PDB file of N, CA and C in Angstrom:
ATOM      1  N   UNK A   1      17.362  12.995  10.382  1.00  0.00           N
ATOM      2  CA  UNK A   1      17.384  14.008   9.362  1.00  0.00           C
ATOM      3  C   UNK A   1      18.604  14.886   9.626  1.00  0.00           C
ATOM      4  N   UNK A   2      19.333  15.192   8.588  1.00  0.00           N
ATOM      5  CA  UNK A   2      20.519  16.024   8.672  1.00  0.00           C
ATOM      6  C   UNK A   2      20.095  17.488   8.593  1.00  0.00           C
ATOM      7  N   UNK A   3      20.337  18.248   9.650  1.00  0.00           N
ATOM      8  CA  UNK A   3      19.906  19.653   9.724  1.00  0.00           C
ATOM      9  C   UNK A   3      21.128  20.562   9.800  1.00  0.00           C
ATOM     10  N   UNK A   4      21.197  21.529   8.897  1.00  0.00           N
ATOM     11  CA  UNK A   4      22.257  22.514   8.878  1.00  0.00           C
ATOM     12  C   UNK A   4      21.721  23.829   9.435  1.00  0.00           C
ATOM     13  N   UNK A   5      22.396  24.368  10.442  1.00  0.00           N
ATOM     14  CA  UNK A   5      21.994  25.637  11.056  1.00  0.00           C
ATOM     15  C   UNK A   5      22.965  26.731  10.642  1.00  0.00           C
ATOM     16  N   UNK A   6      22.408  27.874  10.257  1.00  0.00           N
ATOM     17  CA  UNK A   6      23.215  29.025   9.889  1.00  0.00           C
ATOM     18  C   UNK A   6      22.688  30.228  10.653  1.00  0.00           C
ATOM     19  N   UNK A   7      23.573  30.974  11.253  1.00  0.00           N
ATOM     20  CA  UNK A   7      23.183  32.172  11.978  1.00  0.00           C
ATOM     21  C   UNK A   7      23.708  33.411  11.285  1.00  0.00           C
ATOM     22  N   UNK A   8      22.814  34.335  10.982  1.00  0.00           N
ATOM     23  CA  UNK A   8      23.210  35.614  10.385  1.00  0.00           C
ATOM     24  C   UNK A   8      23.097  36.672  11.481  1.00  0.00           C
ATOM     25  N   UNK A   9      24.217  37.210  11.860  1.00  0.00           N
ATOM     26  CA  UNK A   9      24.304  38.164  12.960  1.00  0.00           C
ATOM     27  C   UNK A   9      23.876  37.523  14.277  1.00  0.00           C
ATOM     28  N   UNK A  10      24.001  36.201  14.338  1.00  0.00           N
ATOM     29  CA  UNK A  10      23.595  35.446  15.523  1.00  0.00           C
ATOM     30  C   UNK A  10      24.615  34.345  15.752  1.00  0.00           C
ATOM     31  N   UNK A  11      24.990  34.144  16.981  1.00  0.00           N
ATOM     32  CA  UNK A  11      25.815  32.993  17.329  1.00  0.00           C
ATOM     33  C   UNK A  11      24.871  31.850  17.690  1.00  0.00           C
ATOM     34  N   UNK A  12      24.992  30.731  16.994  1.00  0.00           N
ATOM     35  CA  UNK A  12      24.125  29.578  17.242  1.00  0.00           C
ATOM     36  C   UNK A  12      24.680  28.837  18.454  1.00  0.00           C
ATOM     37  N   UNK A  13      24.020  29.013  19.585  1.00  0.00           N
ATOM     38  CA  UNK A  13      24.473  28.409  20.832  1.00  0.00           C
ATOM     39  C   UNK A  13      23.934  26.994  20.963  1.00  0.00           C
ATOM     40  N   UNK A  14      24.447  26.297  21.946  1.00  0.00           N
ATOM     41  CA  UNK A  14      23.983  24.930  22.208  1.00  0.00           C
ATOM     42  C   UNK A  14      22.521  24.937  22.637  1.00  0.00           C
ATOM     43  N   UNK A  15      22.116  25.984  23.335  1.00  0.00           N
ATOM     44  CA  UNK A  15      20.717  26.110  23.758  1.00  0.00           C
ATOM     45  C   UNK A  15      19.781  26.236  22.557  1.00  0.00           C
ATOM     46  N   UNK A  16      20.182  27.023  21.560  1.00  0.00           N
ATOM     47  CA  UNK A  16      19.389  27.147  20.336  1.00  0.00           C
ATOM     48  C   UNK A  16      19.336  25.826  19.580  1.00  0.00           C
ATOM     49  N   UNK A  17      20.451  25.110  19.532  1.00  0.00           N
ATOM     50  CA  UNK A  17      20.467  23.807  18.864  1.00  0.00           C
ATOM     51  C   UNK A  17      19.504  22.827  19.528  1.00  0.00           C
ATOM     52  N   UNK A  18      19.475  22.823  20.858  1.00  0.00           N
ATOM     53  CA  UNK A  18      18.553  21.935  21.576  1.00  0.00           C
ATOM     54  C   UNK A  18      17.104  22.318  21.316  1.00  0.00           C
ATOM     55  N   UNK A  19      16.820  23.629  21.275  1.00  0.00           N
ATOM     56  CA  UNK A  19      15.473  24.095  20.975  1.00  0.00           C
ATOM     57  C   UNK A  19      15.033  23.616  19.595  1.00  0.00           C
ATOM     58  N   UNK A  20      15.913  23.747  18.629  1.00  0.00           N
ATOM     59  CA  UNK A  20      15.585  23.349  17.260  1.00  0.00           C
ATOM     60  C   UNK A  20      15.394  21.844  17.158  1.00  0.00           C
ATOM     61  N   UNK A  21      16.271  21.069  17.790  1.00  0.00           N
ATOM     62  CA  UNK A  21      16.120  19.606  17.769  1.00  0.00           C
ATOM     63  C   UNK A  21      14.807  19.183  18.403  1.00  0.00           C
ATOM     64  N   UNK A  22      14.422  19.866  19.474  1.00  0.00           N
ATOM     65  CA  UNK A  22      13.161  19.561  20.149  1.00  0.00           C
ATOM     66  C   UNK A  22      11.969  19.869  19.236  1.00  0.00           C
ATOM     67  N   UNK A  23      12.026  20.987  18.518  1.00  0.00           N
ATOM     68  CA  UNK A  23      10.927  21.368  17.620  1.00  0.00           C
ATOM     69  C   UNK A  23      10.876  20.500  16.366  1.00  0.00           C
ATOM     70  N   UNK A  24      12.026  19.928  15.951  1.00  0.00           N
ATOM     71  CA  UNK A  24      12.055  19.115  14.738  1.00  0.00           C
ATOM     72  C   UNK A  24      11.676  17.655  14.978  1.00  0.00           C
ATOM     73  N   UNK A  25      11.623  17.219  16.221  1.00  0.00           N
ATOM     74  CA  UNK A  25      11.327  15.815  16.516  1.00  0.00           C
ATOM     75  C   UNK A  25       9.995  15.356  15.926  1.00  0.00           C
ATOM     76  N   UNK A  26       8.877  16.106  16.083  1.00  0.00           N
ATOM     77  CA  UNK A  26       7.617  15.644  15.474  1.00  0.00           C
ATOM     78  C   UNK A  26       7.679  15.579  13.947  1.00  0.00           C
ATOM     79  N   UNK A  27       8.391  16.520  13.347  1.00  0.00           N
ATOM     80  CA  UNK A  27       8.531  16.519  11.887  1.00  0.00           C
ATOM     81  C   UNK A  27       9.333  15.307  11.431  1.00  0.00           C
ATOM     82  N   UNK A  28      10.370  14.979  12.175  1.00  0.00           N
ATOM     83  CA  UNK A  28      11.191  13.814  11.848  1.00  0.00           C
ATOM     84  C   UNK A  28      10.378  12.524  11.990  1.00  0.00           C
ATOM     85  N   UNK A  29       9.518  12.454  13.003  1.00  0.00           N
ATOM     86  CA  UNK A  29       8.659  11.272  13.162  1.00  0.00           C
ATOM     87  C   UNK A  29       7.650  11.173  12.032  1.00  0.00           C
ATOM     88  N   UNK A  30       7.104  12.316  11.598  1.00  0.00           N
ATOM     89  CA  UNK A  30       6.090  12.321  10.546  1.00  0.00           C
ATOM     90  C   UNK A  30       6.667  11.875   9.206  1.00  0.00           C
ATOM     91  N   UNK A  31       7.797  12.435   8.822  1.00  0.00           N
ATOM     92  CA  UNK A  31       8.373  12.129   7.507  1.00  0.00           C
ATOM     93  C   UNK A  31       9.273  10.898   7.521  1.00  0.00           C
ATOM     94  N   UNK A  32       9.922  10.629   8.636  1.00  0.00           N
ATOM     95  CA  UNK A  32      10.793   9.462   8.736  1.00  0.00           C
ATOM     96  C   UNK A  32      11.934   9.525   7.734  1.00  0.00           C
ATOM     97  N   UNK A  33      12.091   8.458   6.965  1.00  0.00           N
ATOM     98  CA  UNK A  33      13.178   8.380   5.988  1.00  0.00           C
ATOM     99  C   UNK A  33      12.940   9.258   4.764  1.00  0.00           C
ATOM    100  N   UNK A  34      11.734   9.771   4.606  1.00  0.00           N
ATOM    101  CA  UNK A  34      11.428  10.609   3.448  1.00  0.00           C
ATOM    102  C   UNK A  34      12.107  11.968   3.533  1.00  0.00           C
ATOM    103  N   UNK A  35      12.464  12.405   4.733  1.00  0.00           N
ATOM    104  CA  UNK A  35      13.163  13.681   4.899  1.00  0.00           C
ATOM    105  C   UNK A  35      14.638  13.467   4.603  1.00  0.00           C
ATOM    106  N   UNK A  36      15.129  14.126   3.583  1.00  0.00           N
ATOM    107  CA  UNK A  36      16.519  13.963   3.162  1.00  0.00           C
ATOM    108  C   UNK A  36      17.431  14.888   3.955  1.00  0.00           C
ATOM    109  N   UNK A  37      17.118  16.180   3.956  1.00  0.00           N
ATOM    110  CA  UNK A  37      17.944  17.144   4.674  1.00  0.00           C
ATOM    111  C   UNK A  37      17.109  18.361   5.041  1.00  0.00           C
ATOM    112  N   UNK A  38      17.663  19.181   5.920  1.00  0.00           N
ATOM    113  CA  UNK A  38      16.981  20.403   6.339  1.00  0.00           C
ATOM    114  C   UNK A  38      18.011  21.506   6.504  1.00  0.00           C
ATOM    115  N   UNK A  39      17.606  22.723   6.171  1.00  0.00           N
ATOM    116  CA  UNK A  39      18.446  23.897   6.327  1.00  0.00           C
ATOM    117  C   UNK A  39      17.656  24.943   7.095  1.00  0.00           C
ATOM    118  N   UNK A  40      18.275  25.507   8.125  1.00  0.00           N
ATOM    119  CA  UNK A  40      17.621  26.552   8.898  1.00  0.00           C
ATOM    120  C   UNK A  40      18.558  27.749   8.969  1.00  0.00           C
ATOM    121  N   UNK A  41      18.037  28.916   8.583  1.00  0.00           N
ATOM    122  CA  UNK A  41      18.788  30.159   8.635  1.00  0.00           C
ATOM    123  C   UNK A  41      18.110  31.052   9.665  1.00  0.00           C
ATOM    124  N   UNK A  42      18.884  31.448  10.676  1.00  0.00           N
ATOM    125  CA  UNK A  42      18.358  32.271  11.750  1.00  0.00           C
ATOM    126  C   UNK A  42      18.955  33.664  11.628  1.00  0.00           C
ATOM    127  N   UNK A  43      18.089  34.690  11.614  1.00  0.00           N
ATOM    128  CA  UNK A  43      18.530  36.057  11.421  1.00  0.00           C
ATOM    129  C   UNK A  43      18.007  36.928  12.558  1.00  0.00           C
ATOM    130  N   UNK A  44      18.888  37.712  13.137  1.00  0.00           N
ATOM    131  CA  UNK A  44      18.479  38.691  14.140  1.00  0.00           C
ATOM    132  C   UNK A  44      18.559  40.063  13.495  1.00  0.00           C
ATOM    133  N   UNK A  45      17.413  40.681  13.336  1.00  0.00           N
ATOM    134  CA  UNK A  45      17.371  42.020  12.754  1.00  0.00           C
ATOM    135  C   UNK A  45      17.194  43.020  13.887  1.00  0.00           C
ATOM    136  N   UNK A  46      16.490  44.085  13.628  1.00  0.00           N
ATOM    137  CA  UNK A  46      16.253  45.087  14.660  1.00  0.00           C
ATOM    138  C   UNK A  46      15.490  44.448  15.812  1.00  0.00           C
ATOM    139  N   UNK A  47      15.943  44.700  17.000  1.00  0.00           N
ATOM    140  CA  UNK A  47      15.312  44.109  18.176  1.00  0.00           C
ATOM    141  C   UNK A  47      13.930  44.703  18.352  1.00  0.00           C
ATOM    142  N   UNK A  48      12.957  44.047  18.804  1.00  0.00           N
ATOM    143  CA  UNK A  48      12.871  42.619  19.095  1.00  0.00           C
ATOM    144  C   UNK A  48      12.297  41.855  17.915  1.00  0.00           C
ATOM    145  N   UNK A  49      13.078  41.592  16.930  1.00  0.00           N
ATOM    146  CA  UNK A  49      12.601  40.934  15.715  1.00  0.00           C
ATOM    147  C   UNK A  49      13.561  39.815  15.341  1.00  0.00           C
ATOM    148  N   UNK A  50      13.089  38.593  15.429  1.00  0.00           N
ATOM    149  CA  UNK A  50      13.884  37.429  15.060  1.00  0.00           C
ATOM    150  C   UNK A  50      13.197  36.739  13.896  1.00  0.00           C
ATOM    151  N   UNK A  51      13.981  36.271  12.941  1.00  0.00           N
ATOM    152  CA  UNK A  51      13.418  35.599  11.778  1.00  0.00           C
ATOM    153  C   UNK A  51      14.122  34.269  11.566  1.00  0.00           C
ATOM    154  N   UNK A  52      13.322  33.257  11.248  1.00  0.00           N
ATOM    155  CA  UNK A  52      13.839  31.923  10.977  1.00  0.00           C
ATOM    156  C   UNK A  52      13.283  31.444   9.643  1.00  0.00           C
ATOM    157  N   UNK A  53      14.164  31.018   8.769  1.00  0.00           N
ATOM    158  CA  UNK A  53      13.766  30.444   7.481  1.00  0.00           C
ATOM    159  C   UNK A  53      14.152  28.971   7.502  1.00  0.00           C
ATOM    160  N   UNK A  54      13.189  28.114   7.216  1.00  0.00           N
ATOM    161  CA  UNK A  54      13.383  26.677   7.354  1.00  0.00           C
ATOM    162  C   UNK A  54      12.999  25.990   6.056  1.00  0.00           C
ATOM    163  N   UNK A  55      13.911  25.185   5.512  1.00  0.00           N
ATOM    164  CA  UNK A  55      13.678  24.456   4.263  1.00  0.00           C
ATOM    165  C   UNK A  55      13.986  22.980   4.504  1.00  0.00           C
ATOM    166  N   UNK A  56      13.046  22.116   4.124  1.00  0.00           N
ATOM    167  CA  UNK A  56      13.232  20.665   4.243  1.00  0.00           C
ATOM    168  C   UNK A  56      13.176  20.076   2.839  1.00  0.00           C
ATOM    169  N   UNK A  57      14.148  19.260   2.514  1.00  0.00           N
ATOM    170  CA  UNK A  57      14.166  18.546   1.236  1.00  0.00           C
ATOM    171  C   UNK A  57      13.681  17.124   1.504  1.00  0.00           C
ATOM    172  N   UNK A  58      12.615  16.737   0.819  1.00  0.00           N
ATOM    173  CA  UNK A  58      12.034  15.412   1.013  1.00  0.00           C
ATOM    174  C   UNK A  58      12.186  14.609  -0.274  1.00  0.00           C
ATOM    175  N   UNK A  59      11.964  13.301  -0.152  1.00  0.00           N
ATOM    176  CA  UNK A  59      12.118  12.426  -1.325  1.00  0.00           C
ATOM    177  C   UNK A  59      11.142  12.858  -2.417  1.00  0.00           C
ATOM    178  N   UNK A  60      11.473  12.514  -3.615  1.00  0.00           N
ATOM    179  CA  UNK A  60      10.623  12.859  -4.745  1.00  0.00           C
ATOM    180  C   UNK A  60      10.772  14.309  -5.173  1.00  0.00           C
ATOM    181  N   UNK A  61      11.903  14.921  -4.857  1.00  0.00           N
ATOM    182  CA  UNK A  61      12.199  16.290  -5.252  1.00  0.00           C
ATOM    183  C   UNK A  61      11.185  17.285  -4.685  1.00  0.00           C
ATOM    184  N   UNK A  62      10.740  17.051  -3.450  1.00  0.00           N
ATOM    185  CA  UNK A  62       9.821  17.963  -2.778  1.00  0.00           C
ATOM    186  C   UNK A  62      10.606  18.880  -1.856  1.00  0.00           C
ATOM    187  N   UNK A  63      10.194  20.137  -1.798  1.00  0.00           N
ATOM    188  CA  UNK A  63      10.855  21.133  -0.964  1.00  0.00           C
ATOM    189  C   UNK A  63       9.792  21.826  -0.129  1.00  0.00           C
ATOM    190  N   UNK A  64       9.914  21.710   1.189  1.00  0.00           N
ATOM    191  CA  UNK A  64       8.977  22.325   2.112  1.00  0.00           C
ATOM    192  C   UNK A  64       9.649  23.547   2.703  1.00  0.00           C
ATOM    193  N   UNK A  65       8.958  24.684   2.704  1.00  0.00           N
ATOM    194  CA  UNK A  65       9.580  25.947   3.075  1.00  0.00           C
ATOM    195  C   UNK A  65       8.676  26.715   4.028  1.00  0.00           C
ATOM    196  N   UNK A  66       9.271  27.253   5.106  1.00  0.00           N
ATOM    197  CA  UNK A  66       8.512  28.057   6.039  1.00  0.00           C
ATOM    198  C   UNK A  66       9.366  29.164   6.625  1.00  0.00           C
ATOM    199  N   UNK A  67       8.762  30.332   6.805  1.00  0.00           N
ATOM    200  CA  UNK A  67       9.434  31.474   7.406  1.00  0.00           C
ATOM    201  C   UNK A  67       8.632  31.886   8.624  1.00  0.00           C
ATOM    202  N   UNK A  68       9.327  32.066   9.738  1.00  0.00           N
ATOM    203  CA  UNK A  68       8.662  32.486  10.960  1.00  0.00           C
ATOM    204  C   UNK A  68       9.363  33.669  11.572  1.00  0.00           C
ATOM    205  N   UNK A  69       8.580  34.598  12.112  1.00  0.00           N
ATOM    206  CA  UNK A  69       9.140  35.755  12.802  1.00  0.00           C
ATOM    207  C   UNK A  69       8.515  35.847  14.185  1.00  0.00           C
ATOM    208  N   UNK A  70       9.233  36.481  15.082  1.00  0.00           N
ATOM    209  CA  UNK A  70       8.703  36.637  16.422  1.00  0.00           C
ATOM    210  C   UNK A  70       9.594  37.495  17.286  1.00  0.00           C
ATOM    211  N   UNK A  71       9.148  37.680  18.510  1.00  0.00           N
ATOM    212  CA  UNK A  71       9.892  38.496  19.454  1.00  0.00           C
ATOM    213  C   UNK A  71      10.933  37.697  20.228  1.00  0.00           C
ATOM    214  N   UNK A  72      10.940  36.383  20.048  1.00  0.00           N
ATOM    215  CA  UNK A  72      11.940  35.523  20.692  1.00  0.00           C
ATOM    216  C   UNK A  72      12.240  34.357  19.760  1.00  0.00           C
ATOM    217  N   UNK A  73      13.351  33.661  20.030  1.00  0.00           N
ATOM    218  CA  UNK A  73      13.724  32.527  19.183  1.00  0.00           C
ATOM    219  C   UNK A  73      12.699  31.402  19.232  1.00  0.00           C
ATOM    220  N   UNK A  74      12.172  31.021  20.391  1.00  0.00           N
ATOM    221  CA  UNK A  74      11.179  29.934  20.386  1.00  0.00           C
ATOM    222  C   UNK A  74       9.945  30.248  19.543  1.00  0.00           C
ATOM    223  N   UNK A  75       9.509  31.507  19.549  1.00  0.00           N
ATOM    224  CA  UNK A  75       8.339  31.889  18.751  1.00  0.00           C
ATOM    225  C   UNK A  75       8.665  31.824  17.258  1.00  0.00           C
ATOM    226  N   UNK A  76       9.813  32.356  16.867  1.00  0.00           N
ATOM    227  CA  UNK A  76      10.195  32.374  15.453  1.00  0.00           C
ATOM    228  C   UNK A  76      10.430  30.960  14.922  1.00  0.00           C
ATOM    229  N   UNK A  77      11.143  30.142  15.692  1.00  0.00           N
ATOM    230  CA  UNK A  77      11.401  28.758  15.263  1.00  0.00           C
ATOM    231  C   UNK A  77      10.101  27.974  15.203  1.00  0.00           C
ATOM    232  N   UNK A  78       9.242  28.147  16.202  1.00  0.00           N
ATOM    233  CA  UNK A  78       7.964  27.433  16.229  1.00  0.00           C
ATOM    234  C   UNK A  78       7.080  27.780  15.047  1.00  0.00           C
ATOM    235  N   UNK A  79       7.034  29.054  14.663  1.00  0.00           N
ATOM    236  CA  UNK A  79       6.215  29.468  13.527  1.00  0.00           C
ATOM    237  C   UNK A  79       6.712  28.842  12.229  1.00  0.00           C
ATOM    238  N   UNK A  80       8.024  28.841  12.021  1.00  0.00           N
ATOM    239  CA  UNK A  80       8.585  28.266  10.795  1.00  0.00           C
ATOM    240  C   UNK A  80       8.349  26.761  10.746  1.00  0.00           C
ATOM    241  N   UNK A  81       8.572  26.077  11.873  1.00  0.00           N
ATOM    242  CA  UNK A  81       8.392  24.623  11.901  1.00  0.00           C
ATOM    243  C   UNK A  81       6.921  24.260  11.735  1.00  0.00           C
ATOM    244  N   UNK A  82       6.008  25.052  12.303  1.00  0.00           N
ATOM    245  CA  UNK A  82       4.580  24.780  12.146  1.00  0.00           C
ATOM    246  C   UNK A  82       4.157  24.865  10.680  1.00  0.00           C
ATOM    247  N   UNK A  83       4.679  25.843   9.960  1.00  0.00           N
ATOM    248  CA  UNK A  83       4.344  25.974   8.535  1.00  0.00           C
ATOM    249  C   UNK A  83       4.853  24.773   7.741  1.00  0.00           C
ATOM    250  N   UNK A  84       6.065  24.349   8.042  1.00  0.00           N
ATOM    251  CA  UNK A  84       6.630  23.193   7.337  1.00  0.00           C
ATOM    252  C   UNK A  84       5.887  21.913   7.747  1.00  0.00           C
ATOM    253  N   UNK A  85       5.497  21.824   9.004  1.00  0.00           N
ATOM    254  CA  UNK A  85       4.766  20.647   9.489  1.00  0.00           C
ATOM    255  C   UNK A  85       3.432  20.508   8.754  1.00  0.00           C
ATOM    256  N   UNK A  86       2.739  21.622   8.540  1.00  0.00           N
ATOM    257  CA  UNK A  86       1.477  21.584   7.804  1.00  0.00           C
ATOM    258  C   UNK A  86       1.701  21.100   6.368  1.00  0.00           C
ATOM    259  N   UNK A  87       2.753  21.578   5.727  1.00  0.00           N
ATOM    260  CA  UNK A  87       3.072  21.143   4.365  1.00  0.00           C
ATOM    261  C   UNK A  87       3.432  19.660   4.344  1.00  0.00           C
ATOM    262  N   UNK A  88       4.137  19.197   5.368  1.00  0.00           N
ATOM    263  CA  UNK A  88       4.532  17.789   5.434  1.00  0.00           C
ATOM    264  C   UNK A  88       3.315  16.887   5.622  1.00  0.00           C
ATOM    265  N   UNK A  89       2.350  17.319   6.435  1.00  0.00           N
ATOM    266  CA  UNK A  89       1.135  16.523   6.618  1.00  0.00           C
ATOM    267  C   UNK A  89       0.351  16.425   5.315  1.00  0.00           C
ATOM    268  N   UNK A  90       0.284  17.523   4.570  1.00  0.00           N
ATOM    269  CA  UNK A  90      -0.390  17.507   3.272  1.00  0.00           C
ATOM    270  C   UNK A  90       0.321  16.565   2.300  1.00  0.00           C
ATOM    271  N   UNK A  91       1.632  16.651   2.256  1.00  0.00           N
ATOM    272  CA  UNK A  91       2.415  15.799   1.355  1.00  0.00           C
ATOM    273  C   UNK A  91       2.267  14.330   1.714  1.00  0.00           C
ATOM    274  N   UNK A  92       2.332  14.004   2.996  1.00  0.00           N
ATOM    275  CA  UNK A  92       2.200  12.615   3.411  1.00  0.00           C
ATOM    276  C   UNK A  92       0.795  12.097   3.105  1.00  0.00           C
ATOM    277  N   UNK A  93      -0.211  12.939   3.250  1.00  0.00           N
ATOM    278  CA  UNK A  93      -1.576  12.551   2.890  1.00  0.00           C
ATOM    279  C   UNK A  93      -1.703  12.215   1.416  1.00  0.00           C
ATOM    280  N   UNK A  94      -1.028  12.975   0.572  1.00  0.00           N
ATOM    281  CA  UNK A  94      -1.035  12.681  -0.864  1.00  0.00           C
ATOM    282  C   UNK A  94      -0.347  11.356  -1.153  1.00  0.00           C
ATOM    283  N   UNK A  95       0.780  11.106  -0.469  1.00  0.00           N
ATOM    284  CA  UNK A  95       1.481   9.838  -0.670  1.00  0.00           C
ATOM    285  C   UNK A  95       0.601   8.668  -0.246  1.00  0.00           C
ATOM    286  N   UNK A  96      -0.095   8.785   0.879  1.00  0.00           N
ATOM    287  CA  UNK A  96      -0.943   7.702   1.368  1.00  0.00           C
ATOM    288  C   UNK A  96      -2.156   7.507   0.472  1.00  0.00           C
ATOM    289  N   UNK A  97      -2.731   8.582  -0.038  1.00  0.00           N
ATOM    290  CA  UNK A  97      -3.884   8.468  -0.935  1.00  0.00           C
ATOM    291  C   UNK A  97      -3.488   7.756  -2.221  1.00  0.00           C
ATOM    292  N   UNK A  98      -2.323   8.050  -2.725  1.00  0.00           N
ATOM    293  CA  UNK A  98      -1.854   7.388  -3.945  1.00  0.00           C
ATOM    294  C   UNK A  98      -1.670   5.893  -3.691  1.00  0.00           C
ATOM    295  N   UNK A  99      -1.143   5.557  -2.522  1.00  0.00           N
ATOM    296  CA  UNK A  99      -0.933   4.157  -2.179  1.00  0.00           C
ATOM    297  C   UNK A  99      -2.269   3.427  -2.053  1.00  0.00           C
ATOM    298  N   UNK A 100      -3.275   4.083  -1.451  1.00  0.00           N
ATOM    299  CA  UNK A 100      -4.597   3.466  -1.304  1.00  0.00           C
ATOM    300  C   UNK A 100      -5.255   3.254  -2.655  1.00  0.00           C
ATOM    301  N   UNK A 101      -5.112   4.230  -3.561  1.00  0.00           N
ATOM    302  CA  UNK A 101      -5.709   4.068  -4.892  1.00  0.00           C
ATOM    303  C   UNK A 101      -5.076   2.900  -5.634  1.00  0.00           C
ATOM    304  N   UNK A 102      -3.800   2.699  -5.480  1.00  0.00           N
ATOM    305  CA  UNK A 102      -3.111   1.616  -6.180  1.00  0.00           C
ATOM    306  C   UNK A 102      -3.589   0.254  -5.673  1.00  0.00           C
ATOM    307  N   UNK A 103      -3.929   0.146  -4.386  1.00  0.00           N
ATOM    308  CA  UNK A 103      -4.394  -1.120  -3.839  1.00  0.00           C
ATOM    309  C   UNK A 103      -5.825  -1.434  -4.251  1.00  0.00           C
ATOM    310  N   UNK A 104      -6.615  -0.429  -4.595  1.00  0.00           N
ATOM    311  CA  UNK A 104      -8.030  -0.613  -4.854  1.00  0.00           C
ATOM    312  C   UNK A 104      -8.347  -0.932  -6.312  1.00  0.00           C
ATOM    313  N   UNK A 105      -7.398  -1.363  -7.101  1.00  0.00           N
ATOM    314  CA  UNK A 105      -7.639  -1.688  -8.500  1.00  0.00           C
ATOM    315  C   UNK A 105      -8.437  -2.985  -8.560  1.00  0.00           C
ATOM    316  N   UNK A 106      -9.641  -2.961  -9.157  1.00  0.00           N
ATOM    317  CA  UNK A 106     -10.457  -4.177  -9.213  1.00  0.00           C
ATOM    318  C   UNK A 106      -9.852  -5.210 -10.158  1.00  0.00           C
ATOM    319  N   UNK A 107      -9.986  -6.474  -9.783  1.00  0.00           N
ATOM    320  CA  UNK A 107      -9.494  -7.566 -10.615  1.00  0.00           C
ATOM    321  C   UNK A 107      -7.989  -7.686 -10.646  1.00  0.00           C
ATOM    322  N   UNK A 108      -7.313  -7.067  -9.715  1.00  0.00           N
ATOM    323  CA  UNK A 108      -5.860  -7.097  -9.715  1.00  0.00           C
ATOM    324  C   UNK A 108      -5.312  -8.331  -9.026  1.00  0.00           C
ATOM    325  N   UNK A 109      -6.152  -9.100  -8.366  1.00  0.00           N
ATOM    326  CA  UNK A 109      -5.660 -10.266  -7.668  1.00  0.00           C
ATOM    327  C   UNK A 109      -6.678 -10.783  -6.680  1.00  0.00           C
ATOM    328  N   UNK A 110      -6.248 -11.614  -5.771  1.00  0.00           N
ATOM    329  CA  UNK A 110      -7.182 -12.167  -4.797  1.00  0.00           C
ATOM    330  C   UNK A 110      -7.699 -11.083  -3.853  1.00  0.00           C
ATOM    331  N   UNK A 111      -8.883 -11.348  -3.281  1.00  0.00           N
ATOM    332  CA  UNK A 111      -9.450 -10.429  -2.303  1.00  0.00           C
ATOM    333  C   UNK A 111      -8.588 -10.425  -1.055  1.00  0.00           C
ATOM    334  N   UNK A 112      -8.935  -9.555  -0.114  1.00  0.00           N
ATOM    335  CA  UNK A 112      -8.146  -9.439   1.109  1.00  0.00           C
ATOM    336  C   UNK A 112      -8.159 -10.724   1.925  1.00  0.00           C
ATOM    337  N   UNK A 113      -9.230 -11.507   1.812  1.00  0.00           N
ATOM    338  CA  UNK A 113      -9.279 -12.761   2.578  1.00  0.00           C
ATOM    339  C   UNK A 113      -8.557 -13.900   1.867  1.00  0.00           C
ATOM    340  N   UNK A 114      -8.006 -13.642   0.689  1.00  0.00           N
ATOM    341  CA  UNK A 114      -7.229 -14.643  -0.020  1.00  0.00           C
ATOM    342  C   UNK A 114      -8.028 -15.425  -1.050  1.00  0.00           C
ATOM    343  N   UNK A 115      -9.336 -15.222  -1.097  1.00  0.00           N
ATOM    344  CA  UNK A 115     -10.163 -15.970  -2.048  1.00  0.00           C
ATOM    345  C   UNK A 115     -10.169 -15.264  -3.398  1.00  0.00           C
ATOM    346  N   UNK A 116     -10.434 -16.031  -4.424  1.00  0.00           N
ATOM    347  CA  UNK A 116     -10.510 -15.508  -5.775  1.00  0.00           C
ATOM    348  C   UNK A 116     -11.971 -15.497  -6.169  1.00  0.00           C
ATOM    349  N   UNK A 117     -12.431 -14.417  -6.806  1.00  0.00           N
ATOM    350  CA  UNK A 117     -13.825 -14.283  -7.213  1.00  0.00           C
ATOM    351  C   UNK A 117     -14.108 -15.278  -8.331  1.00  0.00           C
ATOM    352  N   UNK A 118     -15.043 -16.194  -8.103  1.00  0.00           N
ATOM    353  CA  UNK A 118     -15.354 -17.263  -9.083  1.00  0.00           C
ATOM    354  C   UNK A 118     -16.552 -16.919  -9.932  1.00  0.00           C
ATOM    355  N   UNK A 119     -17.184 -15.763  -9.754  1.00  0.00           N
ATOM    356  CA  UNK A 119     -18.337 -15.381 -10.560  1.00  0.00           C
ATOM    357  C   UNK A 119     -17.954 -15.057 -11.992  1.00  0.00           C
ATOM    358  N   UNK A 120     -16.741 -14.655 -12.221  1.00  0.00           N
ATOM    359  CA  UNK A 120     -16.305 -14.297 -13.559  1.00  0.00           C
ATOM    360  C   UNK A 120     -15.843 -15.555 -14.295  1.00  0.00           C
ATOM    361  N   UNK A 121     -16.235 -15.702 -15.559  1.00  0.00           N
ATOM    362  CA  UNK A 121     -15.791 -16.892 -16.310  1.00  0.00           C
ATOM    363  C   UNK A 121     -14.290 -16.833 -16.567  1.00  0.00           C
ATOM    364  N   UNK A 122     -13.687 -17.984 -16.567  1.00  0.00           N
ATOM    365  CA  UNK A 122     -12.257 -18.061 -16.848  1.00  0.00           C
ATOM    366  C   UNK A 122     -12.065 -18.066 -18.356  1.00  0.00           C
ATOM    367  N   UNK A 123     -10.929 -17.639 -18.835  1.00  0.00           N
ATOM    368  CA  UNK A 123     -10.688 -17.629 -20.286  1.00  0.00           C
ATOM    369  C   UNK A 123     -10.756 -19.049 -20.851  1.00  0.00           C
ATOM    370  N   UNK A 124     -11.417 -19.180 -21.979  1.00  0.00           N
ATOM    371  CA  UNK A 124     -11.511 -20.471 -22.641  1.00  0.00           C
ATOM    372  C   UNK A 124     -12.831 -21.173 -22.367  1.00  0.00           C
ATOM    373  N   UNK A 125     -13.691 -20.596 -21.538  1.00  0.00           N
ATOM    374  CA  UNK A 125     -15.000 -21.224 -21.271  1.00  0.00           C
ATOM    375  C   UNK A 125     -16.042 -20.722 -22.198  1.00  0.00           C
TER     376      UNK A 125
END
């Protein structure tokens, strides 16, 4: 997933980048190729107040958004990623439910074992 980091009144250090990559790994595993891009804006306001805004663009024109605040960067980043992770789990559940419904159409073809139901008369009988 392509992630863009922006710091407002903050210098984005290599340590912060590693923290963010570590927190995004489960989200990347969950969405896989469905995650198109991500944008993270990190803002340092009055101390001790850190804010992180995280937006993920997923396939199908879906936008997952989370804002996290905290007294340190790990807390703020974790809160934002947790909110987006919850939205991603909900979205993936909807995608899987739709796929299951499509497979369960009766009379759409052979059963799972490959046999065809012979109880129904064939056309022309």
